Amino acid sequence: MAFGLFGVSVLITVTLYCLKDVFLWRKALKRELAGLAKKRETCPPQTRKALLLVANQSLSALSISSRSESAIRQIPLWLTTLAGCYYPGESEPCLQATPERIIRSVEASLPRYQKILRRPGFHHVARLSIRDIAETPGFTGFIRRFRSLWLMRYLVADLLLYLGELAVAVYSEQHPSPNGGVAADVEETLREISSLQPSTQMTYPENIQRIRNSLVGIPGILVKEPTPAELGVALVSVSEILAASCFPDSSVPLHEAKIGPLVSRLGVFLSSVSRREDYPLRARILSLRLSTLFNPGRLSDRLLPRKIEERLEKTLRVSGWLKWPLKVYLMTSSGVFWKFAADAGWYAGRKTLLVLFFGRCFDQAVQEIDTVFRLSCRTTRDHDDPKSAIDSFATV
């Protein structure tokens, strides 16, 4: 009897020791949520509402019935709801942000992201792949499986909390939109674009270059503009190519990605977004709302004369992206089509800015995706201590 009680006590002690990181991460999250609740007490009504949505979404990820992939799929709709707290009358509230505000908010949020990488227990889930999480272990792996599932819940909840607070920071600073002055300032804006220095073009294998060209290449972008959703589809296609090259024997190469590289390289991507020196853009361009870039608006409501349309692609091929908008504007303003100068110039200007934004985002994302799978492949072969393995990729 005594021996049985001793055995039970040892088993309980070992179990609690194995689960200590679960309790510590839970405690850290409760502290973050308590700070959020305190912050809500002194916020304006719209921010109070947004922060409540952030807290509820994070808490819902901790529910036993919640699935991590479901919470991730709901992120676009959730972000739209958060932005709608500040722009209730807009059909696309997410597009009311400006690049300048996004850059500043991401830069300020990086220390908070670093805290996620240092959470107790992160080194346990860091070595897991997406496939590992989906697999069902035998009885001997029950405790490890239980720990991993809860640590993944806390990781997803922590990431949602971070993303929600970042969105609130982006949209809570409302300011007069420069959109109304676009027509009057078209020439000045186009001159800013023309003065930019071209960035170095990345070199890709043919199959990846084809995907990039379908997003921001000529002549496709002249008739169909890229969208965030299309960028996502393009990056998934690139991920499949890169995953297959690193894990040729896997039935589902994408599922071989490790959680550690995924989370840490997302931090590196965010850090690159916040580096102002990497953006050759001027203040006027960075202060434009995304709705000005993604939606044609009044300047492009009117169809351009066919003769202007015929000259657009020819001028682009001769001038290059950065010089193209101003040349189109000057070309039309000095002839019989002077009434269409602003429309034609801003049409070309928008296309160029979309190429710059989407092209840079694609290039940086592809670089990080490639690193994720290379690190995942390396850590798959590494049987050293998990803490020493995570040190190689847990720095943002």
Protein backbone atom coordinates (compact mmCIF):
# COMPACT_ATOMS: atom_id res chain seq x y z
CA MET A 1 0.00 0.00 0.00
CA ALA A 2 2.77 2.40 0.98
CA PHE A 3 4.68 1.49 -2.14
CA GLY A 4 1.60 2.22 -4.26
CA LEU A 5 1.11 5.64 -2.66
CA PHE A 6 4.78 6.42 -3.18
CA GLY A 7 4.46 5.47 -6.84
CA VAL A 8 1.39 7.67 -7.28
CA SER A 9 3.11 10.63 -5.60
CA VAL A 10 6.15 10.20 -7.86
CA LEU A 11 3.90 10.05 -10.93
CA ILE A 12 2.05 13.22 -9.88
CA THR A 13 5.34 15.01 -9.18
CA VAL A 14 6.77 14.04 -12.57
CA THR A 15 3.56 15.08 -14.32
CA LEU A 16 3.47 18.48 -12.62
CA TYR A 17 7.14 18.99 -13.45
CA CYS A 18 6.50 18.19 -17.11
CA LEU A 19 3.57 20.61 -17.14
CA LYS A 20 5.28 23.46 -15.27
CA ASP A 21 5.83 25.44 -18.48
CA VAL A 22 2.12 25.17 -19.24
CA PHE A 23 1.30 26.82 -15.91
CA LEU A 24 3.99 29.48 -16.33
CA TRP A 25 2.81 30.45 -19.83
CA ARG A 26 -0.78 30.53 -18.57
CA LYS A 27 0.30 32.88 -15.77
CA ALA A 28 2.10 35.16 -18.26
CA LEU A 29 -0.98 35.31 -20.50
CA LYS A 30 -3.25 36.11 -17.55
CA ARG A 31 -0.91 38.99 -16.71
CA GLU A 32 -1.11 40.31 -20.29
CA LEU A 33 -4.92 40.08 -20.29
CA ALA A 34 -5.14 41.82 -16.90
CA GLY A 35 -3.03 44.65 -18.29
CA LEU A 36 -5.35 44.87 -21.29
CA ALA A 37 -8.40 45.08 -19.00
CA LYS A 38 -6.78 47.88 -17.01
CA LYS A 39 -5.94 49.74 -20.20
CA ARG A 40 -9.57 49.56 -21.30
CA GLU A 41 -10.65 51.58 -18.25
CA THR A 42 -9.06 54.79 -19.57
CA CYS A 43 -9.60 54.33 -23.33
CA PRO A 44 -12.05 56.07 -25.69
CA PRO A 45 -15.24 54.04 -26.41
CA GLN A 46 -14.08 52.69 -29.80
CA THR A 47 -10.74 51.53 -28.38
CA ARG A 48 -12.51 49.99 -25.39
CA LYS A 49 -14.69 48.01 -27.76
CA ALA A 50 -11.73 46.95 -29.91
CA LEU A 51 -9.66 45.81 -26.92
CA LEU A 52 -12.59 43.74 -25.65
CA LEU A 53 -12.71 42.00 -29.03
CA VAL A 54 -8.96 41.36 -28.79
CA ALA A 55 -9.26 39.85 -25.30
CA ASN A 56 -12.24 37.69 -26.27
CA GLN A 57 -10.49 36.34 -29.39
CA SER A 58 -7.40 35.46 -27.38
CA LEU A 59 -9.46 33.76 -24.67
CA SER A 60 -11.48 31.81 -27.25
CA ALA A 61 -8.23 30.27 -28.53
CA LEU A 62 -7.76 28.73 -25.08
CA SER A 63 -11.09 26.96 -25.21
CA ILE A 64 -10.87 23.17 -25.21
CA SER A 65 -13.25 23.07 -28.19
CA SER A 66 -11.17 25.63 -30.12
CA ARG A 67 -8.86 24.54 -32.94
CA SER A 68 -5.74 26.57 -33.77
CA GLU A 69 -6.27 26.37 -37.53
CA SER A 70 -9.83 27.68 -37.15
CA ALA A 71 -8.62 30.69 -35.13
CA ILE A 72 -5.99 31.43 -37.79
CA ARG A 73 -8.51 31.24 -40.65
CA GLN A 74 -10.72 33.77 -38.88
CA ILE A 75 -7.97 36.40 -38.62
CA PRO A 76 -8.90 38.44 -41.76
CA LEU A 77 -12.55 38.78 -40.66
CA TRP A 78 -11.47 39.55 -37.10
CA LEU A 79 -9.07 42.31 -38.24
CA THR A 80 -11.85 43.81 -40.37
CA THR A 81 -14.10 43.88 -37.29
CA LEU A 82 -11.36 45.59 -35.24
CA ALA A 83 -10.80 48.24 -37.92
CA GLY A 84 -14.58 48.70 -38.12
CA CYS A 85 -14.60 49.88 -34.51
CA TYR A 86 -12.80 53.02 -35.70
CA TYR A 87 -14.33 53.34 -39.19
CA PRO A 88 -17.90 52.04 -38.83
CA GLY A 89 -19.12 53.75 -41.98
CA GLU A 90 -16.48 52.29 -44.30
CA SER A 91 -17.13 49.21 -46.44
CA GLU A 92 -13.41 48.29 -46.22
CA PRO A 93 -12.21 49.64 -42.86
CA CYS A 94 -8.88 47.79 -43.03
CA LEU A 95 -7.86 50.01 -45.95
CA GLN A 96 -8.09 53.17 -43.84
CA ALA A 97 -4.58 52.61 -42.47
CA THR A 98 -1.52 54.31 -43.94
CA PRO A 99 1.88 52.71 -44.62
CA GLU A 100 3.45 55.25 -42.26
CA ARG A 101 1.18 54.24 -39.38
CA ILE A 102 1.71 50.52 -40.04
CA ILE A 103 5.51 50.93 -40.03
CA ARG A 104 5.51 52.93 -36.78
CA SER A 105 3.11 50.54 -35.03
CA VAL A 106 5.05 47.43 -36.05
CA GLU A 107 8.29 49.03 -34.89
CA ALA A 108 6.79 49.81 -31.47
CA SER A 109 5.36 46.28 -31.16
CA LEU A 110 8.59 44.32 -31.67
CA PRO A 111 9.55 44.11 -27.96
CA ARG A 112 6.14 42.55 -27.29
CA TYR A 113 6.77 39.97 -30.02
CA GLN A 114 10.15 39.15 -28.49
CA LYS A 115 8.35 38.22 -25.27
CA ILE A 116 6.50 35.44 -27.11
CA LEU A 117 9.78 33.88 -28.23
CA ARG A 118 10.97 33.89 -24.62
CA ARG A 119 7.86 32.37 -23.08
CA PRO A 120 8.47 29.36 -20.81
CA GLY A 121 7.63 26.34 -22.91
CA PHE A 122 8.24 27.91 -26.30
CA HIS A 123 11.32 25.72 -26.73
CA HIS A 124 9.06 22.66 -26.42
CA VAL A 125 6.70 23.61 -29.24
CA ALA A 126 9.53 25.10 -31.32
CA ARG A 127 10.79 21.66 -32.29
CA LEU A 128 7.33 20.43 -33.30
CA SER A 129 6.25 20.41 -36.93
CA ILE A 130 2.71 20.93 -38.16
CA ARG A 131 2.64 17.20 -38.86
CA ASP A 132 3.73 16.40 -35.27
CA ILE A 133 0.81 18.36 -33.87
CA ALA A 134 -1.68 16.49 -36.05
CA GLU A 135 -0.35 13.04 -35.16
CA THR A 136 -1.84 11.00 -32.31
CA PRO A 137 0.85 9.44 -30.07
CA GLY A 138 0.65 6.22 -28.11
CA PHE A 139 0.01 5.98 -24.38
CA THR A 140 3.64 6.66 -23.47
CA GLY A 141 3.49 10.03 -25.23
CA PHE A 142 0.24 11.13 -23.60
CA ILE A 143 1.75 13.64 -21.16
CA ARG A 144 4.02 15.10 -23.85
CA ARG A 145 1.05 15.33 -26.21
CA PHE A 146 -1.08 16.99 -23.54
CA ARG A 147 1.67 19.52 -22.81
CA SER A 148 2.23 20.26 -26.49
CA LEU A 149 -1.48 20.85 -27.18
CA TRP A 150 -1.83 23.32 -24.32
CA LEU A 151 1.41 25.11 -25.15
CA MET A 152 0.17 25.46 -28.75
CA ARG A 153 -3.09 26.94 -27.46
CA TYR A 154 -1.14 29.47 -25.41
CA LEU A 155 1.11 30.26 -28.37
CA VAL A 156 -1.88 30.92 -30.65
CA ALA A 157 -3.61 32.97 -27.92
CA ASP A 158 -0.41 34.99 -27.38
CA LEU A 159 -0.01 35.65 -31.12
CA LEU A 160 -3.66 36.71 -31.43
CA LEU A 161 -3.23 39.05 -28.48
CA TYR A 162 -0.14 40.56 -30.10
CA LEU A 163 -1.81 40.92 -33.49
CA GLY A 164 -4.94 42.45 -31.99
CA GLU A 165 -3.00 45.03 -29.99
CA LEU A 166 -0.99 45.85 -33.12
CA ALA A 167 -4.20 46.38 -35.12
CA VAL A 168 -5.58 48.65 -32.40
CA ALA A 169 -2.36 50.69 -32.48
CA VAL A 170 -2.62 51.02 -36.28
CA TYR A 171 -6.27 52.10 -36.43
CA SER A 172 -6.68 54.02 -33.17
CA GLU A 173 -4.69 57.00 -34.45
CA GLN A 174 -7.22 58.63 -36.73
CA HIS A 175 -6.06 61.56 -38.78
CA PRO A 176 -7.28 63.62 -41.72
CA SER A 177 -6.89 61.64 -44.92
CA PRO A 178 -4.78 63.17 -47.68
CA ASN A 179 -7.00 61.43 -50.21
CA GLY A 180 -8.98 64.55 -50.93
CA GLY A 181 -5.83 66.33 -52.07
CA VAL A 182 -4.65 63.63 -54.44
CA ALA A 183 -6.06 65.33 -57.53
CA ALA A 184 -4.43 68.64 -56.71
CA ASP A 185 -1.10 67.06 -55.76
CA VAL A 186 -0.83 64.45 -58.50
CA GLU A 187 2.16 66.03 -60.19
CA GLU A 188 4.06 66.47 -56.93
CA THR A 189 3.31 62.88 -55.88
CA LEU A 190 4.42 61.55 -59.28
CA ARG A 191 7.64 63.55 -59.06
CA GLU A 192 8.32 61.90 -55.69
CA ILE A 193 7.85 58.49 -57.31
CA SER A 194 10.09 59.48 -60.21
CA SER A 195 12.88 60.51 -57.80
CA LEU A 196 12.99 57.07 -56.11
CA GLN A 197 15.98 54.82 -56.65
CA PRO A 198 15.25 51.36 -58.07
CA SER A 199 15.88 48.48 -55.68
CA THR A 200 17.93 45.40 -56.55
CA GLN A 201 15.81 42.75 -58.26
CA MET A 202 15.85 39.34 -56.57
CA THR A 203 16.83 36.35 -58.71
CA TYR A 204 14.45 33.39 -58.51
CA PRO A 205 14.14 29.96 -60.14
CA GLU A 206 11.88 30.02 -63.16
CA ASN A 207 8.82 28.56 -61.39
CA ILE A 208 8.94 31.15 -58.58
CA GLN A 209 9.70 34.01 -60.98
CA ARG A 210 6.60 33.01 -62.93
CA ILE A 211 4.50 33.36 -59.78
CA ARG A 212 5.99 36.79 -59.06
CA ASN A 213 5.35 37.95 -62.61
CA SER A 214 1.71 36.87 -62.35
CA LEU A 215 1.41 39.18 -59.34
CA VAL A 216 3.33 42.31 -60.37
CA GLY A 217 4.63 41.63 -63.89
CA ILE A 218 4.03 43.26 -67.26
CA PRO A 219 1.56 43.31 -68.93
CA GLY A 220 -0.62 41.55 -66.34
CA ILE A 221 -0.70 44.39 -63.82
CA LEU A 222 -1.93 46.81 -66.49
CA VAL A 223 -5.24 44.95 -66.72
CA LYS A 224 -5.47 43.30 -63.27
CA GLU A 225 -4.14 44.71 -60.02
CA PRO A 226 -2.77 42.52 -57.20
CA THR A 227 -4.73 42.18 -53.97
CA PRO A 228 -3.70 40.96 -50.50
CA ALA A 229 -5.68 37.76 -51.13
CA GLU A 230 -3.80 37.11 -54.39
CA LEU A 231 -0.51 37.78 -52.61
CA GLY A 232 -1.49 35.13 -50.06
CA VAL A 233 -2.30 32.61 -52.80
CA ALA A 234 1.04 33.34 -54.50
CA LEU A 235 2.97 32.82 -51.27
CA VAL A 236 1.20 29.51 -50.61
CA SER A 237 2.28 28.35 -54.08
CA VAL A 238 5.86 29.42 -53.35
CA SER A 239 5.72 27.63 -49.99
CA GLU A 240 4.68 24.40 -51.68
CA ILE A 241 7.63 24.65 -54.09
CA LEU A 242 10.18 25.41 -51.36
CA ALA A 243 8.77 22.78 -48.98
CA ALA A 244 8.95 20.09 -51.67
CA SER A 245 12.59 20.97 -52.36
CA CYS A 246 13.51 20.54 -48.67
CA PHE A 247 11.28 17.51 -47.97
CA PRO A 248 11.03 15.57 -51.25
CA ASP A 249 10.01 12.34 -49.51
CA SER A 250 7.13 13.82 -47.52
CA SER A 251 3.54 13.20 -48.61
CA VAL A 252 2.62 16.72 -47.42
CA PRO A 253 5.83 18.81 -47.46
CA LEU A 254 4.10 21.93 -46.09
CA HIS A 255 3.34 20.09 -42.85
CA GLU A 256 7.05 19.57 -42.20
CA ALA A 257 7.49 23.24 -41.23
CA LYS A 258 8.60 23.60 -37.61
CA ILE A 259 6.79 25.92 -35.22
CA GLY A 260 10.03 27.55 -34.03
CA PRO A 261 11.21 28.76 -37.44
CA LEU A 262 7.64 29.76 -38.39
CA VAL A 263 7.18 32.02 -35.37
CA SER A 264 10.72 33.41 -35.24
CA ARG A 265 10.93 34.19 -38.98
CA LEU A 266 7.56 35.91 -38.79
CA GLY A 267 9.25 38.16 -36.25
CA VAL A 268 12.11 38.77 -38.68
CA PHE A 269 9.56 39.66 -41.38
CA LEU A 270 7.86 42.13 -39.02
CA SER A 271 11.23 43.62 -38.17
CA SER A 272 11.96 44.14 -41.86
CA VAL A 273 8.59 45.89 -42.27
CA SER A 274 9.57 48.38 -39.55
CA ARG A 275 12.96 49.30 -41.05
CA ARG A 276 12.34 52.69 -42.61
CA GLU A 277 15.70 52.75 -44.34
CA ASP A 278 14.54 49.84 -46.51
CA TYR A 279 11.73 51.96 -47.93
CA PRO A 280 12.83 54.39 -50.63
CA LEU A 281 9.42 56.10 -50.34
CA ARG A 282 8.80 59.73 -49.45
CA ALA A 283 6.54 61.04 -46.67
CA ARG A 284 3.72 62.02 -49.06
CA ILE A 285 3.48 58.47 -50.41
CA LEU A 286 3.68 56.84 -46.97
CA SER A 287 0.87 59.08 -45.73
CA LEU A 288 -1.60 57.87 -48.39
CA ARG A 289 -4.33 55.63 -47.08
CA LEU A 290 -4.34 52.08 -48.41
CA SER A 291 -7.79 52.74 -49.86
CA THR A 292 -6.19 55.34 -52.14
CA LEU A 293 -3.78 52.72 -53.46
CA PHE A 294 -6.10 49.72 -53.68
CA ASN A 295 -9.20 51.53 -54.90
CA PRO A 296 -9.04 53.72 -58.04
CA GLY A 297 -11.40 56.34 -56.59
CA ARG A 298 -12.58 59.44 -58.37
CA LEU A 299 -9.47 59.96 -60.45
CA SER A 300 -9.91 56.68 -62.30
CA ASP A 301 -13.69 56.48 -62.47
CA ARG A 302 -13.55 57.92 -65.97
CA LEU A 303 -12.39 55.69 -68.80
CA LEU A 304 -9.21 56.88 -70.48
CA PRO A 305 -9.25 57.51 -74.23
CA ARG A 306 -8.05 54.55 -76.24
CA LYS A 307 -5.06 56.48 -77.63
CA ILE A 308 -3.80 57.09 -74.08
CA GLU A 309 -4.28 53.43 -73.15
CA GLU A 310 -2.27 52.40 -76.21
CA ARG A 311 0.64 54.59 -75.13
CA LEU A 312 0.71 53.42 -71.51
CA GLU A 313 2.43 50.06 -71.98
CA LYS A 314 4.85 51.43 -74.58
CA THR A 315 5.86 54.28 -72.25
CA LEU A 316 6.27 51.84 -69.35
CA ARG A 317 8.62 49.57 -71.30
CA VAL A 318 10.75 52.52 -72.39
CA SER A 319 10.80 54.45 -69.08
CA GLY A 320 10.66 51.76 -66.38
CA TRP A 321 8.28 51.68 -63.43
CA LEU A 322 9.55 54.68 -61.46
CA LYS A 323 9.76 57.19 -64.33
CA TRP A 324 6.59 55.93 -66.03
CA PRO A 325 3.86 57.79 -64.01
CA LEU A 326 5.39 61.26 -64.38
CA LYS A 327 6.11 60.74 -68.08
CA VAL A 328 2.51 59.64 -68.67
CA TYR A 329 1.27 62.71 -66.81
CA LEU A 330 3.51 65.15 -68.70
CA MET A 331 2.77 63.46 -72.02
CA THR A 332 -0.99 63.86 -71.62
CA SER A 333 -0.96 67.30 -69.97
CA SER A 334 0.77 68.96 -72.94
CA GLY A 335 -1.51 67.66 -75.67
CA VAL A 336 -5.16 67.50 -76.62
CA PHE A 337 -5.81 65.06 -73.78
CA TRP A 338 -4.78 67.51 -71.03
CA LYS A 339 -8.10 66.99 -69.22
CA PHE A 340 -7.11 63.36 -68.66
CA ALA A 341 -3.60 64.14 -67.37
CA ALA A 342 -4.44 63.63 -63.68
CA ASP A 343 -6.37 60.43 -64.40
CA ALA A 344 -3.64 58.95 -66.59
CA GLY A 345 -0.83 60.04 -64.26
CA TRP A 346 -2.47 58.67 -61.12
CA TYR A 347 -3.45 55.48 -62.96
CA ALA A 348 0.24 54.89 -63.69
CA GLY A 349 1.26 56.12 -60.23
CA ARG A 350 -1.05 53.68 -58.45
CA LYS A 351 0.19 50.80 -60.58
CA THR A 352 3.80 51.67 -59.75
CA LEU A 353 3.15 51.95 -56.02
CA LEU A 354 1.33 48.61 -56.05
CA VAL A 355 4.34 47.04 -57.77
CA LEU A 356 6.65 48.53 -55.13
CA PHE A 357 4.54 47.45 -52.14
CA PHE A 358 3.53 44.00 -53.35
CA GLY A 359 6.90 43.29 -54.93
CA ARG A 360 8.81 44.12 -51.76
CA CYS A 361 6.38 42.15 -49.59
CA PHE A 362 6.63 39.14 -51.91
CA ASP A 363 10.43 39.24 -51.98
CA GLN A 364 10.80 39.53 -48.20
CA ALA A 365 8.18 36.84 -47.54
CA VAL A 366 9.80 34.40 -49.99
CA GLN A 367 13.15 34.90 -48.29
CA GLU A 368 11.64 34.12 -44.88
CA ILE A 369 9.62 31.13 -46.17
CA ASP A 370 12.79 29.68 -47.67
CA THR A 371 14.57 30.15 -44.33
CA VAL A 372 11.68 28.48 -42.46
CA PHE A 373 11.93 25.27 -44.48
CA ARG A 374 15.72 25.21 -44.47
CA LEU A 375 15.77 25.56 -40.67
CA SER A 376 12.98 23.00 -40.36
CA CYS A 377 14.99 20.56 -42.45
CA ARG A 378 18.09 21.18 -40.34
CA THR A 379 16.33 20.79 -36.98
CA THR A 380 14.68 17.59 -38.21
CA ARG A 381 18.15 16.05 -38.46
CA ASP A 382 19.31 17.63 -35.19
CA HIS A 383 18.80 15.42 -32.14
CA ASP A 384 20.52 17.72 -29.68
CA ASP A 385 18.85 19.38 -26.72
CA PRO A 386 15.78 21.39 -27.86
CA LYS A 387 16.92 24.52 -26.04
CA SER A 388 20.24 24.57 -27.89
CA ALA A 389 18.44 24.00 -31.20
CA ILE A 390 16.04 26.88 -30.70
CA ASP A 391 18.92 29.26 -30.03
CA SER A 392 19.83 29.02 -33.71
CA PHE A 393 16.61 30.60 -34.91
CA ALA A 394 14.92 32.36 -32.00
CA THR A 395 16.50 35.74 -32.60
CA VAL A 396 14.56 38.53 -34.30
